[in-house]
Structures are given as structure tokens and as C-alpha cells.
N, C-alpha and C. Protein backbone atom coordinates (compact mmCIF):
# COMPACT_ATOMS: atom_id res chain seq x y z
N MET A 1 -44.96 25.86 33.15
CA MET A 1 -44.48 26.16 31.84
C MET A 1 -43.35 25.23 31.41
N ARG A 2 -42.53 24.78 32.37
CA ARG A 2 -41.47 23.83 32.08
C ARG A 2 -42.03 22.55 31.58
N VAL A 3 -43.10 22.04 32.19
CA VAL A 3 -43.65 20.80 31.80
C VAL A 3 -44.24 20.86 30.40
N ILE A 4 -44.91 21.96 30.04
CA ILE A 4 -45.41 22.18 28.73
C ILE A 4 -44.27 22.21 27.67
N GLY A 5 -43.24 22.98 28.00
CA GLY A 5 -42.06 23.04 27.05
C GLY A 5 -41.46 21.68 26.87
N ASN A 6 -41.32 20.91 27.94
CA ASN A 6 -40.70 19.61 27.80
C ASN A 6 -41.60 18.61 27.05
N LEU A 7 -42.88 18.72 27.23
CA LEU A 7 -43.78 17.86 26.45
C LEU A 7 -43.75 18.16 24.98
N ILE A 8 -43.67 19.47 24.65
CA ILE A 8 -43.57 19.82 23.25
C ILE A 8 -42.20 19.33 22.70
N TRP A 9 -41.22 19.54 23.55
CA TRP A 9 -39.86 19.10 23.11
C TRP A 9 -39.84 17.59 22.80
N TRP A 10 -40.49 16.77 23.68
CA TRP A 10 -40.52 15.33 23.48
C TRP A 10 -41.24 14.93 22.19
N VAL A 11 -42.37 15.62 21.93
CA VAL A 11 -43.15 15.31 20.77
C VAL A 11 -42.39 15.58 19.48
N PHE A 12 -41.63 16.66 19.44
CA PHE A 12 -40.88 17.02 18.23
C PHE A 12 -39.46 16.57 18.20
N GLY A 13 -39.16 15.39 18.77
CA GLY A 13 -37.84 14.81 18.58
C GLY A 13 -36.97 14.71 19.83
N GLY A 14 -37.28 15.34 20.85
CA GLY A 14 -36.43 15.30 22.07
C GLY A 14 -36.46 13.92 22.71
N LEU A 15 -37.58 13.24 22.68
CA LEU A 15 -37.61 11.89 23.29
C LEU A 15 -36.77 10.95 22.44
N GLU A 16 -36.88 11.08 21.08
CA GLU A 16 -36.04 10.19 20.30
C GLU A 16 -34.59 10.44 20.46
N ALA A 17 -34.18 11.70 20.57
CA ALA A 17 -32.77 12.00 20.78
C ALA A 17 -32.30 11.45 22.17
N ALA A 18 -33.15 11.63 23.14
CA ALA A 18 -32.80 11.05 24.51
C ALA A 18 -32.62 9.57 24.41
N VAL A 19 -33.54 8.87 23.77
CA VAL A 19 -33.41 7.42 23.64
C VAL A 19 -32.14 7.06 22.87
N GLY A 20 -31.80 7.89 21.86
CA GLY A 20 -30.58 7.61 21.13
C GLY A 20 -29.32 7.77 21.95
N TYR A 21 -29.31 8.85 22.83
CA TYR A 21 -28.21 9.00 23.72
C TYR A 21 -28.12 7.90 24.76
N PHE A 22 -29.31 7.48 25.31
CA PHE A 22 -29.29 6.35 26.27
C PHE A 22 -28.81 5.06 25.62
N MET A 23 -29.25 4.77 24.43
CA MET A 23 -28.73 3.50 23.75
C MET A 23 -27.27 3.62 23.44
N GLY A 24 -26.80 4.82 23.04
CA GLY A 24 -25.35 4.94 22.87
C GLY A 24 -24.60 4.80 24.11
N SER A 25 -25.16 5.31 25.26
CA SER A 25 -24.54 5.13 26.54
C SER A 25 -24.43 3.70 26.97
N VAL A 26 -25.51 2.95 26.74
CA VAL A 26 -25.44 1.49 27.03
C VAL A 26 -24.44 0.73 26.16
N ALA A 27 -24.41 1.07 24.89
CA ALA A 27 -23.47 0.42 23.94
C ALA A 27 -22.06 0.68 24.33
N VAL A 28 -21.73 1.94 24.66
CA VAL A 28 -20.36 2.26 25.12
C VAL A 28 -20.04 1.63 26.44
N ALA A 29 -20.97 1.52 27.34
CA ALA A 29 -20.74 0.95 28.66
C ALA A 29 -20.50 -0.52 28.60
N LEU A 30 -20.86 -1.21 27.55
CA LEU A 30 -20.57 -2.67 27.41
C LEU A 30 -19.08 -2.92 27.40
N THR A 31 -18.26 -1.96 26.87
CA THR A 31 -16.89 -2.14 26.91
C THR A 31 -16.44 -1.50 28.28
N ILE A 32 -15.58 -2.12 28.95
CA ILE A 32 -15.15 -1.65 30.28
C ILE A 32 -14.47 -0.33 30.14
N VAL A 33 -13.74 -0.17 29.11
CA VAL A 33 -12.92 1.06 28.90
C VAL A 33 -13.86 2.27 28.62
N GLY A 34 -15.05 2.03 28.10
CA GLY A 34 -15.92 3.09 27.70
C GLY A 34 -16.89 3.58 28.77
N ILE A 35 -16.74 3.12 30.04
CA ILE A 35 -17.66 3.49 31.10
C ILE A 35 -17.58 5.02 31.39
N PRO A 36 -16.39 5.64 31.44
CA PRO A 36 -16.38 7.12 31.65
C PRO A 36 -17.15 7.85 30.51
N VAL A 37 -17.01 7.37 29.31
CA VAL A 37 -17.68 8.02 28.22
C VAL A 37 -19.19 7.76 28.28
N ALA A 38 -19.58 6.61 28.72
CA ALA A 38 -21.00 6.26 28.87
C ALA A 38 -21.65 7.21 29.95
N LEU A 39 -20.95 7.49 30.96
CA LEU A 39 -21.47 8.48 31.95
C LEU A 39 -21.72 9.82 31.37
N GLN A 40 -20.86 10.27 30.46
CA GLN A 40 -21.02 11.50 29.79
C GLN A 40 -22.20 11.55 28.83
N THR A 41 -22.37 10.51 28.09
CA THR A 41 -23.53 10.43 27.19
C THR A 41 -24.81 10.28 27.97
N PHE A 42 -24.74 9.67 29.15
CA PHE A 42 -25.94 9.64 30.00
C PHE A 42 -26.29 11.00 30.49
N LYS A 43 -25.35 11.89 30.75
CA LYS A 43 -25.62 13.28 31.12
C LYS A 43 -26.35 14.00 29.91
N LEU A 44 -25.81 13.73 28.76
CA LEU A 44 -26.47 14.32 27.58
C LEU A 44 -27.91 13.86 27.38
N ALA A 45 -28.13 12.53 27.69
CA ALA A 45 -29.49 11.99 27.61
C ALA A 45 -30.44 12.58 28.61
N LEU A 46 -29.91 12.81 29.80
CA LEU A 46 -30.77 13.44 30.81
C LEU A 46 -31.14 14.89 30.43
N LEU A 47 -30.17 15.61 29.89
CA LEU A 47 -30.44 16.95 29.48
C LEU A 47 -31.40 16.93 28.29
N CYS A 48 -31.28 15.99 27.38
CA CYS A 48 -32.15 15.91 26.22
C CYS A 48 -33.54 15.45 26.63
N LEU A 49 -33.63 14.74 27.74
CA LEU A 49 -34.93 14.27 28.18
C LEU A 49 -35.73 15.38 28.89
N TRP A 50 -35.04 16.23 29.61
CA TRP A 50 -35.70 17.30 30.40
C TRP A 50 -34.92 18.59 30.27
N PRO A 51 -34.92 19.30 29.11
CA PRO A 51 -34.08 20.43 28.91
C PRO A 51 -34.59 21.75 29.56
N PHE A 52 -35.93 21.86 29.61
CA PHE A 52 -36.47 23.08 30.24
C PHE A 52 -36.45 22.86 31.76
N GLY A 53 -35.78 23.71 32.42
CA GLY A 53 -35.61 23.62 33.87
C GLY A 53 -34.32 22.94 34.26
N ALA A 54 -33.56 22.49 33.35
CA ALA A 54 -32.25 21.83 33.65
C ALA A 54 -31.18 22.91 33.62
N GLU A 55 -30.16 22.73 34.39
CA GLU A 55 -29.01 23.59 34.46
C GLU A 55 -27.74 22.84 34.32
N VAL A 56 -26.83 23.36 33.49
CA VAL A 56 -25.49 22.76 33.34
C VAL A 56 -24.49 23.69 33.99
N ARG A 57 -23.71 23.05 34.92
CA ARG A 57 -22.67 23.82 35.60
C ARG A 57 -21.43 22.97 35.83
N SER A 58 -20.30 23.67 36.06
CA SER A 58 -19.07 22.96 36.36
C SER A 58 -19.19 22.29 37.67
N THR A 59 -18.58 21.13 37.76
CA THR A 59 -18.63 20.39 38.99
C THR A 59 -17.73 20.95 40.09
N GLY A 60 -16.59 21.42 39.68
CA GLY A 60 -15.65 21.93 40.71
C GLY A 60 -14.95 20.81 41.44
N CYS A 61 -15.19 19.58 41.02
CA CYS A 61 -14.55 18.46 41.74
C CYS A 61 -13.10 18.40 41.30
N PRO A 62 -12.25 17.86 42.16
CA PRO A 62 -10.86 17.79 41.85
C PRO A 62 -10.47 16.69 40.88
N MET A 63 -11.07 16.76 39.69
CA MET A 63 -10.73 15.77 38.65
C MET A 63 -9.32 15.99 38.15
N GLY A 64 -8.83 17.20 38.40
CA GLY A 64 -7.48 17.46 37.98
C GLY A 64 -7.38 17.70 36.50
N CYS A 65 -6.19 17.47 36.03
CA CYS A 65 -5.88 17.75 34.61
C CYS A 65 -6.39 16.65 33.65
N ILE A 66 -6.99 15.57 34.18
CA ILE A 66 -7.47 14.51 33.33
C ILE A 66 -8.66 14.91 32.53
N SER A 67 -9.43 15.92 32.99
CA SER A 67 -10.62 16.28 32.21
C SER A 67 -10.24 16.93 30.86
N ILE A 68 -9.10 17.64 30.80
CA ILE A 68 -8.72 18.20 29.60
C ILE A 68 -8.42 17.25 28.45
N PRO A 69 -7.57 16.23 28.69
CA PRO A 69 -7.35 15.27 27.62
C PRO A 69 -8.63 14.41 27.29
N LEU A 70 -9.44 14.17 28.31
CA LEU A 70 -10.71 13.41 28.04
C LEU A 70 -11.64 14.22 27.19
N ASN A 71 -11.70 15.57 27.43
CA ASN A 71 -12.58 16.44 26.57
C ASN A 71 -12.09 16.50 25.19
N VAL A 72 -10.69 16.49 25.03
CA VAL A 72 -10.12 16.54 23.67
C VAL A 72 -10.43 15.23 22.93
N LEU A 73 -10.30 14.12 23.63
CA LEU A 73 -10.64 12.81 23.00
C LEU A 73 -12.12 12.78 22.66
N TRP A 74 -12.97 13.30 23.57
CA TRP A 74 -14.37 13.37 23.36
C TRP A 74 -14.67 14.15 22.06
N MET A 75 -14.07 15.32 21.94
CA MET A 75 -14.28 16.17 20.74
C MET A 75 -13.88 15.42 19.45
N VAL A 76 -12.76 14.75 19.48
CA VAL A 76 -12.25 14.06 18.30
C VAL A 76 -13.13 12.91 17.87
N PHE A 77 -13.63 12.16 18.87
CA PHE A 77 -14.41 10.98 18.55
C PHE A 77 -15.91 11.18 18.63
N GLY A 78 -16.42 12.34 18.28
CA GLY A 78 -17.84 12.48 18.12
C GLY A 78 -18.50 13.71 18.83
N GLY A 79 -17.80 14.25 19.78
CA GLY A 79 -18.38 15.42 20.50
C GLY A 79 -18.54 16.60 19.66
N LEU A 80 -17.63 16.83 18.72
CA LEU A 80 -17.70 17.92 17.84
C LEU A 80 -18.89 17.83 16.86
N TRP A 81 -19.13 16.59 16.37
CA TRP A 81 -20.29 16.43 15.53
C TRP A 81 -21.60 16.62 16.22
N ALA A 82 -21.68 16.11 17.49
CA ALA A 82 -22.87 16.28 18.26
C ALA A 82 -23.13 17.77 18.50
N CYS A 83 -22.06 18.49 18.80
CA CYS A 83 -22.17 19.93 19.04
C CYS A 83 -22.67 20.66 17.79
N LEU A 84 -22.12 20.29 16.68
CA LEU A 84 -22.52 20.89 15.38
C LEU A 84 -23.98 20.64 15.05
N VAL A 85 -24.46 19.45 15.33
CA VAL A 85 -25.84 19.12 15.07
C VAL A 85 -26.74 19.96 15.95
N HIS A 86 -26.42 20.07 17.23
CA HIS A 86 -27.21 20.90 18.15
C HIS A 86 -27.21 22.37 17.73
N VAL A 87 -26.07 22.90 17.28
CA VAL A 87 -25.93 24.27 16.82
C VAL A 87 -26.82 24.44 15.54
N PHE A 88 -26.70 23.48 14.67
CA PHE A 88 -27.52 23.55 13.42
C PHE A 88 -29.02 23.64 13.71
N PHE A 89 -29.51 22.71 14.58
CA PHE A 89 -30.95 22.74 14.91
C PHE A 89 -31.31 24.01 15.73
N GLY A 90 -30.39 24.47 16.56
CA GLY A 90 -30.61 25.70 17.31
C GLY A 90 -30.79 26.88 16.38
N LEU A 91 -29.90 27.02 15.39
CA LEU A 91 -30.04 28.05 14.42
C LEU A 91 -31.28 27.94 13.59
N LEU A 92 -31.63 26.77 13.24
CA LEU A 92 -32.87 26.51 12.47
C LEU A 92 -34.09 26.91 13.24
N LEU A 93 -34.08 26.63 14.51
CA LEU A 93 -35.23 26.90 15.36
C LEU A 93 -35.32 28.43 15.74
N ALA A 94 -34.16 29.05 15.75
CA ALA A 94 -34.10 30.49 16.11
C ALA A 94 -34.70 31.42 15.02
N ILE A 95 -34.97 30.86 13.88
CA ILE A 95 -35.50 31.66 12.79
C ILE A 95 -36.87 32.17 13.20
N THR A 96 -37.68 31.38 13.84
CA THR A 96 -39.03 31.70 14.18
C THR A 96 -39.13 32.16 15.67
N LEU A 97 -40.10 32.96 16.02
CA LEU A 97 -40.30 33.40 17.41
C LEU A 97 -40.67 32.26 18.28
N VAL A 98 -41.47 31.36 17.77
CA VAL A 98 -41.90 30.24 18.62
C VAL A 98 -40.76 29.27 18.89
N GLY A 99 -39.82 29.15 17.99
CA GLY A 99 -38.72 28.25 18.12
C GLY A 99 -37.56 28.72 19.03
N ILE A 100 -37.59 30.01 19.46
CA ILE A 100 -36.42 30.54 20.19
C ILE A 100 -36.24 29.81 21.54
N PRO A 101 -37.21 29.54 22.35
CA PRO A 101 -36.94 28.76 23.54
C PRO A 101 -36.30 27.40 23.27
N PHE A 102 -36.77 26.72 22.19
CA PHE A 102 -36.20 25.45 21.89
C PHE A 102 -34.83 25.59 21.36
N ALA A 103 -34.50 26.68 20.62
CA ALA A 103 -33.17 26.94 20.16
C ALA A 103 -32.19 27.13 21.31
N ARG A 104 -32.66 27.77 22.35
CA ARG A 104 -31.86 27.95 23.58
C ARG A 104 -31.47 26.68 24.19
N GLN A 105 -32.40 25.73 24.15
CA GLN A 105 -32.08 24.43 24.78
C GLN A 105 -31.10 23.68 23.90
N HIS A 106 -31.18 23.80 22.59
CA HIS A 106 -30.17 23.15 21.74
C HIS A 106 -28.78 23.80 21.96
N PHE A 107 -28.74 25.09 22.13
CA PHE A 107 -27.38 25.69 22.38
C PHE A 107 -26.91 25.30 23.75
N LYS A 108 -27.73 25.03 24.73
CA LYS A 108 -27.30 24.53 26.02
C LYS A 108 -26.74 23.09 25.83
N MET A 109 -27.38 22.32 25.02
CA MET A 109 -26.88 20.94 24.78
C MET A 109 -25.62 20.95 23.97
N ALA A 110 -25.47 21.91 23.10
CA ALA A 110 -24.21 22.07 22.26
C ALA A 110 -23.06 22.31 23.15
N GLY A 111 -23.24 23.16 24.17
CA GLY A 111 -22.14 23.46 25.10
C GLY A 111 -21.78 22.19 25.87
N LEU A 112 -22.74 21.44 26.30
CA LEU A 112 -22.48 20.24 27.04
C LEU A 112 -21.83 19.15 26.19
N SER A 113 -22.33 19.04 24.94
CA SER A 113 -21.83 17.98 24.08
C SER A 113 -20.45 18.26 23.55
N LEU A 114 -19.98 19.51 23.63
CA LEU A 114 -18.62 19.80 23.17
C LEU A 114 -17.59 19.38 24.21
N ALA A 115 -17.84 19.61 25.51
CA ALA A 115 -16.93 19.28 26.57
C ALA A 115 -17.69 18.85 27.83
N PRO A 116 -18.14 17.60 27.93
CA PRO A 116 -18.94 17.17 29.07
C PRO A 116 -18.18 16.79 30.34
N PHE A 117 -16.92 16.51 30.22
CA PHE A 117 -16.16 16.14 31.43
C PHE A 117 -15.94 17.37 32.30
N GLY A 118 -16.24 17.21 33.55
CA GLY A 118 -16.06 18.35 34.49
C GLY A 118 -17.37 19.16 34.68
N LYS A 119 -18.49 18.71 34.04
CA LYS A 119 -19.79 19.42 34.17
C LYS A 119 -20.81 18.49 34.71
N GLU A 120 -21.83 19.05 35.30
CA GLU A 120 -23.00 18.26 35.77
C GLU A 120 -24.27 18.86 35.31
N VAL A 121 -25.28 18.05 35.26
CA VAL A 121 -26.62 18.44 34.80
C VAL A 121 -27.52 18.42 36.09
N ILE A 122 -28.15 19.52 36.45
CA ILE A 122 -29.10 19.56 37.54
C ILE A 122 -30.49 19.70 37.00
N LEU A 123 -31.33 18.80 37.26
CA LEU A 123 -32.71 18.78 36.84
C LEU A 123 -33.63 19.43 37.87
N LYS A 124 -34.44 20.37 37.47
CA LYS A 124 -35.38 21.02 38.35
C LYS A 124 -36.80 20.60 37.89
N PHE A 125 -37.57 19.91 38.70
CA PHE A 125 -38.85 19.55 38.34
C PHE A 125 -39.91 20.49 38.76
């Protein structure tokens, strides 16, 4: 069922969104300062590429208090807009019964796109 859900997701825009996140990740990684941000957008691209069967959880790594200011900077420079876009499409898809599973995936991505530092994406195939 995961494979079918992911294939439908890809056909209706998930693959384009994943490519967009990957391209954004490469563009930000070209600047040396943007490598930590590029890693976070790469996480979003992975989740956008395979949302059904993926899990987002806290890393629990001792990143310390640096994740809080990085998440704040992330929110200011685009994370809030990405979150709002995922929430909008999630609400739009939640109107129909068929769209509810896809809406849940958008809400999962909205949570990660709001504060990605200190979280990891686990893909289950």
C-alpha cells in the first residue's frame, strides 16, 4: 500500500516538489555557509520523495542549544512559508475522503518544514 500511495503522490506533484527541494539544497550547498541548511532541505526532499512509510522523529543528539537559533533563522528565512504551503495543501486535500491520507503526509511535512534542526527522517521501504 505504501508503494501505491507514493506512486500516486509522485504523479500528482510529489516528485516535482522533491526535485525542487533537491535543487534548492544544491543551490544552498554551493555556499559554504549554507551547508547546514542544505542538509535540512535534503531531509525535506527525502520526505517529499517517499512520504508514505516515512517517520519523522527527534534525533536526541547532543546538538545543544544551537538547534533553537538555527530553527528560528530557518523559520524567518523560508521555513514558515514552506510550512504554510504544506498546511494549505493539507487542508485542501482533507476536504475529500480520498485526499485524507495525502493531507496527513502534507501535515507531516509541515511539521518538519517548520523546525527541521534536531529531527531525522526514517524511510521504511
